[in-house]
Amino acid sequence: MDATTVLAEINGNIATVGYGLAAIGPAIGVGIVVGKTIEGVARQPELAGRLQVLMYIGIAFTEALAFIGIATYFIFTGV
């Protein structure tokens, strides 16, 4: 089996793998944001409302990275 036969058998798009890898970053980011918010509420329970609002803003910005990643996937696949 030569190289051209191997390349002919491989089909698909590497962008799907790229988006899968790009989704790991926002997932880790959301975990850190929520964990630090829980830590902050445990230390200062009277700031729970303010910290919760800041947590949702942080989650929104972090999830924007995932949306950019999926948009990039669609741009590169030509869908």
C-alpha atoms as a PDB file:
ATOM      1  CA  MET A   1       0.000   0.000   0.000  1.00  0.00           C
ATOM      2  CA  ASP A   2       1.614   3.263  -1.084  1.00  0.00           C
ATOM      3  CA  ALA A   3       1.090   6.785   0.238  1.00  0.00           C
ATOM      4  CA  THR A   4      -1.389   7.830  -2.430  1.00  0.00           C
ATOM      5  CA  THR A   5      -3.673   4.915  -1.612  1.00  0.00           C
ATOM      6  CA  VAL A   6      -3.587   5.763   2.085  1.00  0.00           C
ATOM      7  CA  LEU A   7      -4.384   9.415   1.408  1.00  0.00           C
ATOM      8  CA  ALA A   8      -7.203   8.429  -0.928  1.00  0.00           C
ATOM      9  CA  GLU A   9      -8.813   6.370   1.841  1.00  0.00           C
ATOM     10  CA  ILE A  10      -8.747   9.227   4.344  1.00  0.00           C
ATOM     11  CA  ASN A  11     -11.716  11.504   3.867  1.00  0.00           C
ATOM     12  CA  GLY A  12     -13.473  14.037   6.055  1.00  0.00           C
ATOM     13  CA  ASN A  13     -12.370  17.291   7.528  1.00  0.00           C
ATOM     14  CA  ILE A  14      -9.864  18.046  10.266  1.00  0.00           C
ATOM     15  CA  ALA A  15     -12.050  20.997  11.352  1.00  0.00           C
ATOM     16  CA  THR A  16     -14.258  18.614  13.347  1.00  0.00           C
ATOM     17  CA  VAL A  17     -11.270  17.627  15.459  1.00  0.00           C
ATOM     18  CA  GLY A  18     -10.302  21.278  15.756  1.00  0.00           C
ATOM     19  CA  TYR A  19     -13.690  22.228  17.140  1.00  0.00           C
ATOM     20  CA  GLY A  20     -13.550  19.357  19.602  1.00  0.00           C
ATOM     21  CA  LEU A  21     -10.220  20.624  20.866  1.00  0.00           C
ATOM     22  CA  ALA A  22     -11.490  24.218  20.868  1.00  0.00           C
ATOM     23  CA  ALA A  23     -14.412  23.237  23.113  1.00  0.00           C
ATOM     24  CA  ILE A  24     -12.054  22.006  25.840  1.00  0.00           C
ATOM     25  CA  GLY A  25     -10.851  25.534  26.665  1.00  0.00           C
ATOM     26  CA  PRO A  26     -14.269  27.053  27.399  1.00  0.00           C
ATOM     27  CA  ALA A  27     -15.248  23.961  29.404  1.00  0.00           C
ATOM     28  CA  ILE A  28     -12.212  24.364  31.630  1.00  0.00           C
ATOM     29  CA  GLY A  29     -12.846  28.108  31.847  1.00  0.00           C
ATOM     30  CA  VAL A  30     -16.456  27.683  32.969  1.00  0.00           C
ATOM     31  CA  GLY A  31     -15.345  25.154  35.575  1.00  0.00           C
ATOM     32  CA  ILE A  32     -12.800  27.586  36.977  1.00  0.00           C
ATOM     33  CA  VAL A  33     -15.281  30.503  37.000  1.00  0.00           C
ATOM     34  CA  VAL A  34     -17.962  28.510  38.827  1.00  0.00           C
ATOM     35  CA  GLY A  35     -15.450  27.006  41.250  1.00  0.00           C
ATOM     36  CA  LYS A  36     -14.026  30.394  42.176  1.00  0.00           C
ATOM     37  CA  THR A  37     -17.538  31.797  42.623  1.00  0.00           C
ATOM     38  CA  ILE A  38     -18.401  28.994  45.036  1.00  0.00           C
ATOM     39  CA  GLU A  39     -15.153  29.680  46.854  1.00  0.00           C
ATOM     40  CA  GLY A  40     -15.996  33.390  47.074  1.00  0.00           C
ATOM     41  CA  VAL A  41     -19.507  32.727  48.389  1.00  0.00           C
ATOM     42  CA  ALA A  42     -18.090  30.360  50.999  1.00  0.00           C
ATOM     43  CA  ARG A  43     -15.752  33.108  52.191  1.00  0.00           C
ATOM     44  CA  GLN A  44     -18.212  36.027  51.959  1.00  0.00           C
ATOM     45  CA  PRO A  45     -21.827  34.773  51.978  1.00  0.00           C
ATOM     46  CA  GLU A  46     -23.216  38.319  51.993  1.00  0.00           C
ATOM     47  CA  LEU A  47     -21.754  38.897  48.503  1.00  0.00           C
ATOM     48  CA  ALA A  48     -23.526  35.882  46.968  1.00  0.00           C
ATOM     49  CA  GLY A  49     -25.851  37.962  44.755  1.00  0.00           C
ATOM     50  CA  ARG A  50     -23.093  40.151  43.355  1.00  0.00           C
ATOM     51  CA  LEU A  51     -20.783  37.193  42.792  1.00  0.00           C
ATOM     52  CA  GLN A  52     -23.534  35.266  41.029  1.00  0.00           C
ATOM     53  CA  VAL A  53     -24.063  38.114  38.559  1.00  0.00           C
ATOM     54  CA  LEU A  54     -20.332  38.312  37.898  1.00  0.00           C
ATOM     55  CA  MET A  55     -20.237  34.532  37.462  1.00  0.00           C
ATOM     56  CA  TYR A  56     -22.925  34.643  34.764  1.00  0.00           C
ATOM     57  CA  ILE A  57     -21.059  37.425  32.944  1.00  0.00           C
ATOM     58  CA  GLY A  58     -17.844  35.383  33.114  1.00  0.00           C
ATOM     59  CA  ILE A  59     -19.617  32.281  31.823  1.00  0.00           C
ATOM     60  CA  ALA A  60     -21.099  34.280  28.930  1.00  0.00           C
ATOM     61  CA  PHE A  61     -17.681  35.585  27.878  1.00  0.00           C
ATOM     62  CA  THR A  62     -16.124  32.156  28.241  1.00  0.00           C
ATOM     63  CA  GLU A  63     -18.855  30.488  26.191  1.00  0.00           C
ATOM     64  CA  ALA A  64     -18.335  33.110  23.486  1.00  0.00           C
ATOM     65  CA  LEU A  65     -15.061  31.304  22.791  1.00  0.00           C
ATOM     66  CA  ALA A  66     -16.988  28.117  22.047  1.00  0.00           C
ATOM     67  CA  PHE A  67     -19.282  30.002  19.673  1.00  0.00           C
ATOM     68  CA  ILE A  68     -16.259  31.449  17.881  1.00  0.00           C
ATOM     69  CA  GLY A  69     -14.868  27.930  17.587  1.00  0.00           C
ATOM     70  CA  ILE A  70     -18.050  26.531  16.068  1.00  0.00           C
ATOM     71  CA  ALA A  71     -18.323  29.485  13.677  1.00  0.00           C
ATOM     72  CA  THR A  72     -14.746  28.831  12.590  1.00  0.00           C
ATOM     73  CA  TYR A  73     -15.670  25.197  11.985  1.00  0.00           C
ATOM     74  CA  PHE A  74     -18.512  26.191   9.668  1.00  0.00           C
ATOM     75  CA  ILE A  75     -16.324  28.726   7.859  1.00  0.00           C
ATOM     76  CA  PHE A  76     -13.595  26.175   7.133  1.00  0.00           C
ATOM     77  CA  THR A  77     -15.950  23.366   6.143  1.00  0.00           C
ATOM     78  CA  GLY A  78     -17.883  25.576   3.738  1.00  0.00           C
ATOM     79  CA  VAL A  79     -21.286  24.569   5.113  1.00  0.00           C
END
